[in-house]
Amino acid sequence: RPPARNLFFLAQRPYLFDGTLREQIAYPVWDASLLTELNDANMARLFAEANLSEVWSARKEEVDTRGIHWSDVLSLGEQQRIQFCRLFWHAEWHRTHGDLAYGFFAILDESTASMDTASEMKVYQALRKKKIGFLSVAHRPTVIQYHTQVMHFKFSVGHDLMYEVKDAREMAEEHASLLTKHLKPTQRLSVLESRRQSGSTSRPNSVDSLRTADSLRLDGIEQRSETRHHAWPRTSPMATTPGGGSRRDIERTSLCLGAVGGSHERAAKFLGRRD
């Protein structure tokens, strides 16, 4: 098991305290260098990687100002991206000061739930680029593409919690098929038109389909009633009490995504698996 400082946890509700913006990024400061080495150039880069360049431009003169309640100033989506700045900085610090005998891992517990799709995809791309191993719980199927494996939870007829491990690419294909199958004709035309304008004549792949379908959902295009049971749940599997609610509720709740990102070897080591 990796040491405590090799693990980083990001919650759905970010923790912001009464400190400066620079201190928010350096937190938790278990070594003085986490704060002293976090200069403005590093801050600007971290904010850009988390899709917060506009916030940096507006607040760069206030990074060391005290008395600002950042949880009131920033939206929830921006606060979640602040968490990723924090994660990226600690991952960099680990490479120069940490225990290199172990990798650096992040546990993301619905930590992108309030982000727009573009920001969510950008932070996941940064995670892969930085080679940070991560385990996610998320609702949007667009994030499946950034993982290697998916642990799918479901309840049996007797309300026993069961799980199976699937290949992430295979699951992405399944969800792309479900989402695009039920698009209205006008939505299908929208997909084809966007492909034409981008100059692409190839058949949309699973990633294209997931992005398009998720964008249509986020833009408020109503789905037909018969496809609503494919919607991702608002609660985690453990939030459903066995015996409570309808069978449909249990089936929907079981679709919460838990996936491991990074290389197979690092992910297996993190989970303690030897196969």
Protein backbone atom coordinates (compact mmCIF):
# COMPACT_ATOMS: atom_id res chain seq x y z
CA ARG A 1 0.00 0.00 0.00
CA PRO A 2 1.37 3.47 -0.90
CA PRO A 3 2.28 5.78 2.00
CA ALA A 4 -0.26 8.44 3.00
CA ARG A 5 1.62 11.23 1.20
CA ASN A 6 1.49 9.25 -2.04
CA LEU A 7 -2.32 9.34 -2.02
CA PHE A 8 -4.49 12.38 -2.70
CA PHE A 9 -8.25 12.49 -2.15
CA LEU A 10 -10.61 14.86 -3.98
CA ALA A 11 -14.19 15.05 -2.72
CA GLN A 12 -17.32 16.25 -4.49
CA ARG A 13 -17.54 19.22 -2.13
CA PRO A 14 -14.13 20.94 -2.18
CA TYR A 15 -12.49 22.01 1.06
CA LEU A 16 -11.56 25.70 0.95
CA PHE A 17 -10.42 27.41 4.13
CA ASP A 18 -9.79 30.98 5.31
CA GLY A 19 -6.43 31.42 3.63
CA THR A 20 -4.87 33.03 0.57
CA LEU A 21 -5.36 31.64 -2.91
CA ARG A 22 -1.74 30.46 -2.93
CA GLU A 23 -2.29 28.63 0.35
CA GLN A 24 -5.39 26.95 -1.11
CA ILE A 25 -3.24 25.37 -3.83
CA ALA A 26 -0.41 24.35 -1.48
CA TYR A 27 -2.78 22.71 1.03
CA PRO A 28 -2.11 20.42 2.84
CA VAL A 29 1.32 21.91 3.63
CA TRP A 30 3.22 19.02 5.22
CA ASP A 31 6.50 20.57 4.07
CA ALA A 32 7.39 24.27 3.85
CA SER A 33 8.63 23.83 0.26
CA LEU A 34 5.06 23.16 -0.89
CA LEU A 35 4.37 26.84 -0.26
CA THR A 36 7.77 28.48 -0.85
CA GLU A 37 8.24 26.85 -4.27
CA LEU A 38 4.74 27.72 -5.46
CA ASN A 39 5.60 30.92 -7.34
CA ASP A 40 3.33 32.91 -9.65
CA ALA A 41 4.63 31.16 -12.77
CA ASN A 42 3.70 27.78 -11.32
CA MET A 43 0.33 29.14 -10.23
CA ALA A 44 -0.46 30.44 -13.72
CA ARG A 45 0.48 27.10 -15.29
CA LEU A 46 -1.56 25.06 -12.79
CA PHE A 47 -4.62 27.24 -13.33
CA ALA A 48 -4.30 26.82 -17.09
CA GLU A 49 -4.06 23.03 -16.74
CA ALA A 50 -7.28 23.03 -14.70
CA ASN A 51 -9.10 25.27 -17.22
CA LEU A 52 -9.02 28.24 -14.82
CA SER A 53 -7.05 30.75 -16.89
CA GLU A 54 -9.86 33.31 -16.67
CA VAL A 55 -9.93 33.04 -12.88
CA TRP A 56 -6.15 33.49 -12.76
CA SER A 57 -6.32 36.58 -14.97
CA ALA A 58 -9.00 38.10 -12.76
CA ARG A 59 -7.43 37.18 -9.41
CA LYS A 60 -3.66 37.07 -9.94
CA GLU A 61 -3.18 40.31 -8.01
CA GLU A 62 -4.99 38.81 -5.02
CA VAL A 63 -3.16 35.48 -4.63
CA ASP A 64 -1.64 36.54 -1.30
CA THR A 65 -4.55 38.66 -0.07
CA ARG A 66 -6.15 37.51 3.16
CA GLY A 67 -9.78 37.88 4.15
CA ILE A 68 -11.25 36.63 0.85
CA HIS A 69 -13.77 33.82 1.33
CA TRP A 70 -13.00 31.80 -1.79
CA SER A 71 -15.90 29.41 -1.24
CA ASP A 72 -18.21 32.42 -1.71
CA VAL A 73 -16.26 34.00 -4.58
CA LEU A 74 -15.82 30.92 -6.78
CA SER A 75 -18.56 28.76 -8.27
CA LEU A 76 -18.70 25.11 -7.23
CA GLY A 77 -17.27 24.04 -10.59
CA GLU A 78 -14.37 26.47 -10.16
CA GLN A 79 -13.79 25.21 -6.63
CA GLN A 80 -13.57 21.67 -7.96
CA ARG A 81 -10.97 22.80 -10.49
CA ILE A 82 -9.03 24.48 -7.66
CA GLN A 83 -8.83 21.00 -6.14
CA PHE A 84 -7.19 19.74 -9.32
CA CYS A 85 -4.65 22.58 -9.19
CA ARG A 86 -3.91 21.36 -5.68
CA LEU A 87 -3.59 17.76 -6.89
CA PHE A 88 -1.32 18.67 -9.82
CA TRP A 89 0.98 20.71 -7.56
CA HIS A 90 1.31 17.93 -4.99
CA ALA A 91 2.05 15.43 -7.77
CA GLU A 92 4.87 17.69 -9.01
CA TRP A 93 6.20 18.14 -5.47
CA HIS A 94 6.19 14.36 -5.02
CA ARG A 95 8.46 13.87 -8.04
CA THR A 96 11.16 16.10 -6.56
CA HIS A 97 10.70 15.62 -2.81
CA GLY A 98 8.55 12.52 -2.25
CA ASP A 99 9.05 8.79 -1.87
CA LEU A 100 9.73 7.62 -5.42
CA ALA A 101 9.56 3.95 -4.43
CA TYR A 102 5.79 4.26 -4.87
CA GLY A 103 3.69 5.98 -7.48
CA PHE A 104 1.42 8.95 -6.86
CA PHE A 105 -2.30 8.19 -6.85
CA ALA A 106 -5.52 10.18 -6.68
CA ILE A 107 -8.96 9.08 -5.50
CA LEU A 108 -11.62 11.17 -7.25
CA ASP A 109 -14.97 10.87 -5.50
CA GLU A 110 -17.35 12.67 -7.89
CA SER A 111 -14.81 15.50 -7.88
CA THR A 112 -15.87 16.70 -11.36
CA ALA A 113 -19.65 16.50 -10.81
CA SER A 114 -20.17 20.29 -11.01
CA MET A 115 -17.83 20.94 -13.95
CA ASP A 116 -18.84 21.49 -17.54
CA THR A 117 -17.87 18.64 -19.86
CA ALA A 118 -14.96 20.55 -21.44
CA SER A 119 -13.34 21.26 -18.06
CA GLU A 120 -13.89 17.70 -16.90
CA MET A 121 -12.20 16.29 -19.98
CA LYS A 122 -9.31 18.75 -19.68
CA VAL A 123 -8.45 17.78 -16.10
CA TYR A 124 -8.63 14.08 -16.97
CA GLN A 125 -6.34 14.66 -19.94
CA ALA A 126 -3.91 16.40 -17.58
CA LEU A 127 -4.05 13.44 -15.19
CA ARG A 128 -3.05 11.07 -17.99
CA LYS A 129 -0.35 13.41 -19.28
CA LYS A 130 1.16 13.71 -15.80
CA LYS A 131 1.01 9.92 -15.37
CA ILE A 132 -0.94 10.14 -12.14
CA GLY A 133 -2.68 6.89 -11.25
CA PHE A 134 -6.31 7.51 -10.33
CA LEU A 135 -9.48 5.79 -9.22
CA SER A 136 -12.71 7.62 -10.08
CA VAL A 137 -16.34 7.64 -9.10
CA ALA A 138 -18.22 9.63 -11.75
CA HIS A 139 -21.61 9.89 -13.42
CA ARG A 140 -20.85 11.04 -16.95
CA PRO A 141 -19.89 8.28 -19.39
CA THR A 142 -17.54 10.70 -21.19
CA VAL A 143 -14.85 10.03 -18.56
CA ILE A 144 -14.71 6.29 -19.28
CA GLN A 145 -12.25 6.89 -22.12
CA TYR A 146 -9.56 8.08 -19.68
CA HIS A 147 -9.59 4.84 -17.69
CA THR A 148 -8.33 1.33 -18.28
CA GLN A 149 -10.84 -0.66 -16.24
CA VAL A 150 -14.34 -0.12 -14.88
CA MET A 151 -15.72 -1.79 -11.77
CA HIS A 152 -19.47 -2.05 -12.34
CA PHE A 153 -21.63 -2.45 -9.22
CA LYS A 154 -25.11 -3.94 -9.27
CA PHE A 155 -27.62 -5.49 -6.89
CA SER A 156 -28.80 -9.09 -7.17
CA VAL A 157 -32.43 -10.14 -6.82
CA GLY A 158 -31.71 -10.77 -3.14
CA HIS A 159 -30.28 -7.25 -2.76
CA ASP A 160 -26.70 -8.48 -2.44
CA LEU A 161 -24.16 -6.00 -3.77
CA MET A 162 -22.21 -7.56 -6.66
CA TYR A 163 -19.57 -6.25 -9.03
CA GLU A 164 -17.73 -7.07 -12.22
CA VAL A 165 -14.62 -5.56 -13.79
CA LYS A 166 -14.92 -4.48 -17.42
CA ASP A 167 -12.49 -3.11 -19.97
CA ALA A 168 -13.03 0.65 -20.20
CA ARG A 169 -12.98 0.77 -24.01
CA GLU A 170 -15.59 -1.98 -24.18
CA MET A 171 -17.85 -0.13 -21.74
CA ALA A 172 -17.40 3.14 -23.65
CA GLU A 173 -18.60 1.38 -26.80
CA GLU A 174 -21.65 0.02 -24.97
CA HIS A 175 -22.69 3.42 -23.64
CA ALA A 176 -22.01 5.15 -26.95
CA SER A 177 -24.33 2.68 -28.63
CA LEU A 178 -27.07 3.23 -26.05
CA LEU A 179 -26.84 7.00 -26.19
CA THR A 180 -26.70 7.44 -29.96
CA LYS A 181 -29.35 4.80 -30.63
CA HIS A 182 -32.04 6.95 -29.04
CA LEU A 183 -31.09 10.33 -30.48
CA LYS A 184 -33.97 12.06 -32.20
CA PRO A 185 -33.66 12.50 -35.99
CA THR A 186 -32.91 16.21 -35.55
CA GLN A 187 -30.16 15.35 -33.09
CA ARG A 188 -28.69 12.83 -35.53
CA LEU A 189 -28.58 15.56 -38.17
CA SER A 190 -26.83 17.81 -35.66
CA VAL A 191 -24.16 15.15 -35.13
CA LEU A 192 -23.64 14.70 -38.88
CA GLU A 193 -23.55 18.45 -39.49
CA SER A 194 -20.94 19.00 -36.78
CA ARG A 195 -18.84 16.22 -38.31
CA ARG A 196 -19.19 17.80 -41.78
CA GLN A 197 -18.17 21.26 -40.55
CA SER A 198 -15.12 19.83 -38.82
CA GLY A 199 -14.07 18.25 -42.12
CA SER A 200 -14.40 14.69 -40.86
CA THR A 201 -16.07 12.10 -43.09
CA SER A 202 -15.30 9.05 -40.98
CA ARG A 203 -17.87 7.24 -38.91
CA PRO A 204 -18.09 8.74 -35.39
CA ASN A 205 -16.31 6.56 -32.85
CA SER A 206 -17.41 5.84 -29.29
CA VAL A 207 -15.66 8.91 -27.90
CA ASP A 208 -17.32 11.20 -30.46
CA SER A 209 -20.70 9.66 -29.71
CA LEU A 210 -20.30 9.99 -25.95
CA ARG A 211 -19.16 13.61 -26.24
CA THR A 212 -22.02 14.53 -28.57
CA ALA A 213 -24.72 12.76 -26.58
CA ASP A 214 -23.47 14.23 -23.31
CA SER A 215 -23.33 17.71 -24.84
CA LEU A 216 -26.89 17.37 -26.09
CA ARG A 217 -27.99 16.32 -22.61
CA LEU A 218 -26.18 19.22 -20.97
CA ASP A 219 -27.65 21.69 -23.46
CA GLY A 220 -31.11 20.79 -22.19
CA ILE A 221 -32.36 18.71 -25.12
CA GLU A 222 -35.03 16.49 -23.60
CA GLN A 223 -34.68 12.74 -24.03
CA ARG A 224 -37.64 10.56 -24.89
CA SER A 225 -39.31 8.92 -21.91
CA GLU A 226 -38.31 5.41 -22.96
CA THR A 227 -34.60 6.29 -22.74
CA ARG A 228 -34.60 7.91 -19.32
CA HIS A 229 -33.60 4.71 -17.55
CA HIS A 230 -30.16 5.10 -19.19
CA ALA A 231 -29.52 8.30 -17.21
CA TRP A 232 -26.65 8.20 -14.77
CA PRO A 233 -27.67 8.21 -11.07
CA ARG A 234 -27.33 11.15 -8.71
CA THR A 235 -26.33 8.94 -5.79
CA SER A 236 -23.73 6.24 -5.20
CA PRO A 237 -24.64 2.52 -4.98
CA MET A 238 -24.28 2.48 -1.18
CA ALA A 239 -26.87 5.26 -0.85
CA THR A 240 -29.64 2.80 -1.72
CA THR A 241 -30.86 0.79 1.25
CA PRO A 242 -31.53 -2.89 0.35
CA GLY A 243 -35.27 -3.35 0.21
CA GLY A 244 -35.91 0.37 -0.19
CA GLY A 245 -37.22 1.92 -3.39
CA SER A 246 -38.28 0.16 -6.56
CA ARG A 247 -36.33 -2.38 -8.59
CA ARG A 248 -35.79 0.30 -11.26
CA ASP A 249 -34.24 2.60 -8.64
CA ILE A 250 -31.80 -0.12 -7.62
CA GLU A 251 -30.87 -0.87 -11.23
CA ARG A 252 -30.27 2.81 -11.98
CA THR A 253 -28.23 3.33 -8.83
CA SER A 254 -25.98 0.41 -9.68
CA LEU A 255 -24.57 2.27 -12.69
CA CYS A 256 -22.22 4.46 -10.64
CA LEU A 257 -18.81 4.38 -12.31
CA GLY A 258 -15.68 3.35 -10.45
CA ALA A 259 -12.61 3.11 -12.66
CA VAL A 260 -8.87 2.97 -12.42
CA GLY A 261 -6.77 5.25 -14.62
CA GLY A 262 -3.09 5.11 -15.47
CA SER A 263 -1.11 2.06 -16.51
CA HIS A 264 -2.40 -1.45 -15.81
CA GLU A 265 0.65 -2.28 -13.68
CA ARG A 266 0.34 0.80 -11.47
CA ALA A 267 -3.41 0.33 -11.15
CA ALA A 268 -3.02 -3.33 -10.20
CA LYS A 269 -0.34 -2.44 -7.66
CA PHE A 270 -2.58 0.26 -6.20
CA LEU A 271 -5.46 -2.19 -5.80
CA GLY A 272 -3.19 -4.91 -4.46
CA ARG A 273 -3.91 -7.27 -7.37
CA ARG A 274 -1.34 -9.66 -8.77
CA ASP A 275 -3.08 -10.84 -11.94
